[in-house]
Protein backbone atom coordinates (compact mmCIF):
# COMPACT_ATOMS: atom_id res chain seq x y z
CA MET A 1 -23.80 240.15 63.62
CA LEU A 2 -26.84 241.83 65.15
CA LEU A 3 -28.21 238.52 66.26
CA GLU A 4 -24.91 237.74 68.11
CA GLU A 5 -25.22 240.97 70.05
CA GLU A 6 -28.85 240.28 70.90
CA THR A 7 -28.03 236.87 72.25
CA ASP A 8 -25.15 238.31 74.30
CA ILE A 9 -27.53 240.77 75.87
CA ASN A 10 -30.21 238.20 76.42
CA GLN A 11 -27.74 235.75 78.16
CA SER A 12 -26.28 238.35 80.53
CA ILE A 13 -29.57 240.10 81.56
CA ARG A 14 -32.53 238.37 83.15
CA ILE A 15 -36.05 239.59 82.67
CA ASN A 16 -39.37 238.97 84.45
CA GLU A 17 -39.69 235.37 85.63
CA ALA A 18 -35.98 234.59 85.04
CA ILE A 19 -34.99 236.86 87.91
CA ARG A 20 -34.08 234.56 90.81
CA ALA A 21 -33.42 236.83 93.81
CA SER A 22 -36.20 237.06 96.45
CA GLU A 23 -35.58 240.66 97.34
CA LEU A 24 -34.87 243.42 94.70
CA ARG A 25 -34.05 247.12 94.67
CA VAL A 26 -36.63 248.44 92.12
CA ILE A 27 -36.25 251.47 89.87
CA GLY A 28 -39.45 252.80 88.36
CA VAL A 29 -40.30 253.74 84.74
CA SER A 30 -39.10 257.34 84.97
CA GLY A 31 -35.96 256.37 86.89
CA GLU A 32 -37.21 257.02 90.42
CA GLN A 33 -36.18 254.60 93.31
CA LEU A 34 -39.18 252.52 94.46
CA GLY A 35 -37.13 250.87 97.19
CA ILE A 36 -36.48 247.24 98.16
CA MET A 37 -39.33 244.84 97.69
CA SER A 38 -40.04 241.18 97.01
CA ARG A 39 -39.77 239.72 93.57
CA SER A 40 -43.52 239.09 93.36
CA GLU A 41 -44.35 242.73 94.21
CA ALA A 42 -41.89 244.02 91.65
CA LEU A 43 -43.31 241.70 88.94
CA HIS A 44 -46.83 242.84 89.83
CA LEU A 45 -45.79 246.52 89.47
CA ALA A 46 -44.24 245.84 86.08
CA GLU A 47 -47.35 243.90 84.95
CA GLU A 48 -49.62 246.82 85.95
CA ALA A 49 -47.52 249.20 83.92
CA GLY A 50 -47.62 246.81 80.96
CA LEU A 51 -43.81 246.68 80.93
CA ASP A 52 -41.00 244.22 81.84
CA LEU A 53 -38.85 243.82 84.88
CA VAL A 54 -35.18 243.82 83.76
CA GLU A 55 -32.26 242.98 86.01
CA ILE A 56 -29.76 245.83 85.55
CA SER A 57 -27.16 245.02 88.24
CA PRO A 58 -27.22 241.36 89.29
CA GLY A 59 -24.04 241.65 91.42
CA ALA A 60 -25.47 244.28 93.74
CA ASN A 61 -26.90 243.35 97.13
CA PRO A 62 -29.90 243.19 96.67
CA PRO A 63 -29.91 243.00 92.85
CA VAL A 64 -31.06 246.16 91.03
CA VAL A 65 -34.05 245.81 88.60
CA LYS A 66 -35.78 248.36 86.42
CA ILE A 67 -39.27 248.52 85.05
CA VAL A 68 -38.80 249.16 81.26
CA ASN A 69 -39.98 248.19 77.80
CA TRP A 70 -37.65 245.23 77.09
CA GLY A 71 -37.60 245.72 73.32
CA LYS A 72 -36.66 249.37 73.59
CA TYR A 73 -34.04 248.64 76.27
CA GLN A 74 -32.48 245.90 74.15
CA TYR A 75 -32.36 248.17 71.11
CA GLN A 76 -30.59 250.87 73.08
CA LYS A 77 -28.03 248.47 74.41
CA ILE A 78 -27.25 247.12 70.91
CA LYS A 79 -26.88 250.65 69.54
CA GLU A 80 -24.55 251.54 72.43
CA ALA A 81 -22.39 248.52 71.82
CA GLN A 82 -22.12 249.36 68.09
CA LYS A 83 -21.13 252.94 68.95
CA ASN A 84 -18.47 251.73 71.36
CA ARG A 85 -17.05 249.38 68.75
CA ARG A 86 -16.91 252.16 66.17
CA SER A 87 -15.08 254.49 68.54
CA ASN A 88 -12.54 251.83 69.54
CA LYS A 89 -11.11 251.49 66.03
CA GLN A 90 -7.63 250.00 66.41
CA SER A 91 -4.78 251.66 64.64
CA GLU A 92 -3.35 249.68 61.79
CA LEU A 93 0.23 249.24 60.73
CA LYS A 94 0.44 250.82 57.21
CA GLN A 95 3.36 250.17 54.96
CA MET A 96 5.19 252.35 52.43
CA ARG A 97 7.89 250.93 50.17
CA PHE A 98 10.74 252.91 48.61
CA GLY A 99 13.37 251.93 46.11
CA LEU A 100 16.87 253.43 46.36
CA LYS A 101 16.56 255.27 43.04
CA ILE A 102 13.28 257.10 43.86
CA GLY A 103 12.88 260.54 42.40
CA SER A 104 12.19 263.62 44.52
CA GLY A 105 8.62 264.04 43.11
CA ASP A 106 7.73 260.43 43.92
CA LEU A 107 9.29 260.77 47.39
CA ASP A 108 7.18 263.89 48.05
CA ILE A 109 4.02 262.03 47.07
CA LYS A 110 4.84 259.06 49.32
CA LEU A 111 5.72 261.36 52.24
CA ARG A 112 2.37 263.10 51.82
CA LYS A 113 0.64 259.77 52.00
CA ILE A 114 2.66 258.78 55.14
CA ARG A 115 1.62 262.06 56.77
CA GLU A 116 -2.04 261.20 55.99
CA PHE A 117 -1.69 257.80 57.63
CA LEU A 118 -0.11 259.40 60.69
CA SER A 119 -2.85 262.00 60.99
CA GLU A 120 -5.40 259.12 61.01
CA GLY A 121 -3.50 257.64 63.99
CA HIS A 122 -1.87 254.73 62.15
CA LYS A 123 1.68 253.49 62.59
CA VAL A 124 3.69 253.33 59.39
CA ARG A 125 6.42 250.87 58.40
CA ILE A 126 8.77 252.52 55.95
CA GLN A 127 10.61 249.93 53.90
CA ILE A 128 13.62 250.42 51.59
CA PHE A 129 14.05 247.51 49.21
CA TYR A 130 17.30 246.63 47.44
CA ARG A 131 17.46 245.32 43.89
CA GLY A 132 20.33 243.25 42.49
CA ARG A 133 23.70 244.74 43.21
CA GLU A 134 22.31 247.52 45.38
CA MET A 135 22.90 245.03 48.28
CA ALA A 136 26.60 245.82 48.03
CA HIS A 137 25.78 249.43 49.06
CA LYS A 138 23.58 248.98 52.14
CA GLU A 139 24.78 252.38 53.53
CA LEU A 140 22.73 254.12 50.75
CA GLY A 141 19.57 252.56 52.26
CA TYR A 142 20.48 253.72 55.76
CA ASP A 143 21.21 257.24 54.40
CA MET A 144 17.80 257.33 52.68
CA ILE A 145 15.87 256.01 55.66
CA ASN A 146 17.56 258.67 57.86
CA ARG A 147 16.66 261.33 55.32
CA ILE A 148 13.02 260.22 55.34
CA ALA A 149 12.96 260.16 59.12
CA ASP A 150 14.36 263.70 59.20
CA LEU A 151 11.76 264.91 56.77
CA LEU A 152 9.00 263.43 58.92
CA ALA A 153 10.59 264.51 62.30
CA GLU A 154 7.94 267.21 62.96
CA GLU A 155 4.98 264.78 62.60
CA ALA A 156 6.40 261.50 63.70
CA VAL A 157 8.71 259.70 66.03
CA VAL A 158 10.76 256.55 65.19
CA GLU A 159 9.40 253.63 67.18
CA GLN A 160 11.59 250.86 65.79
CA GLN A 161 15.16 251.54 64.65
CA PRO A 162 16.34 250.56 61.15
CA GLN A 163 16.36 246.82 60.74
CA MET A 164 17.61 244.69 57.87
CA ALA A 165 15.47 241.69 56.84
CA GLY A 166 16.55 239.97 53.67
CA ARG A 167 16.62 242.60 50.89
CA ASN A 168 14.56 245.11 52.91
CA LEU A 169 15.58 247.76 55.40
CA SER A 170 12.70 249.02 57.50
CA ILE A 171 11.71 251.28 60.33
CA VAL A 172 8.35 251.83 62.13
CA ILE A 173 7.12 255.37 62.90
CA ARG A 174 4.13 256.71 64.75
CA SER A 175 2.67 260.18 65.19
CA LYS A 176 3.88 262.37 68.07
């Protein structure tokens, strides 16, 4: 995975001789503006400093380049990409299944787990499943799902109304 990121960075950023523009806006080692100069002058300055010339903004007019240590710059970019990927964690759709004959203690435990999922930013599908002849009393499932929604009303909002699919009745909730 690290190699993929390195190749992505290498493909999108040109360094030293790979820079094609004849005029460049150059930024020095400590971040100071050195002004607009020719490609050969900029390469010469980077060579004198023992560093690389890296194209930072190829779309600008003229393109912006910076004199930096390429290895260090590449490492920082990879770490930044990893940090961004970690912080952009997508919320998952968690699922909690209930039978019609669930006891109050079991219900409390499952509600506690649902609250935990909601506090982590996940959506939760609450599913009531019918066994055997329970299908003849679908209203019991609707009553139970409404009771669960009422118990979670302070923490969550119903995103998808009760929906029957085969032997399952389900709703989707998300945190407020």
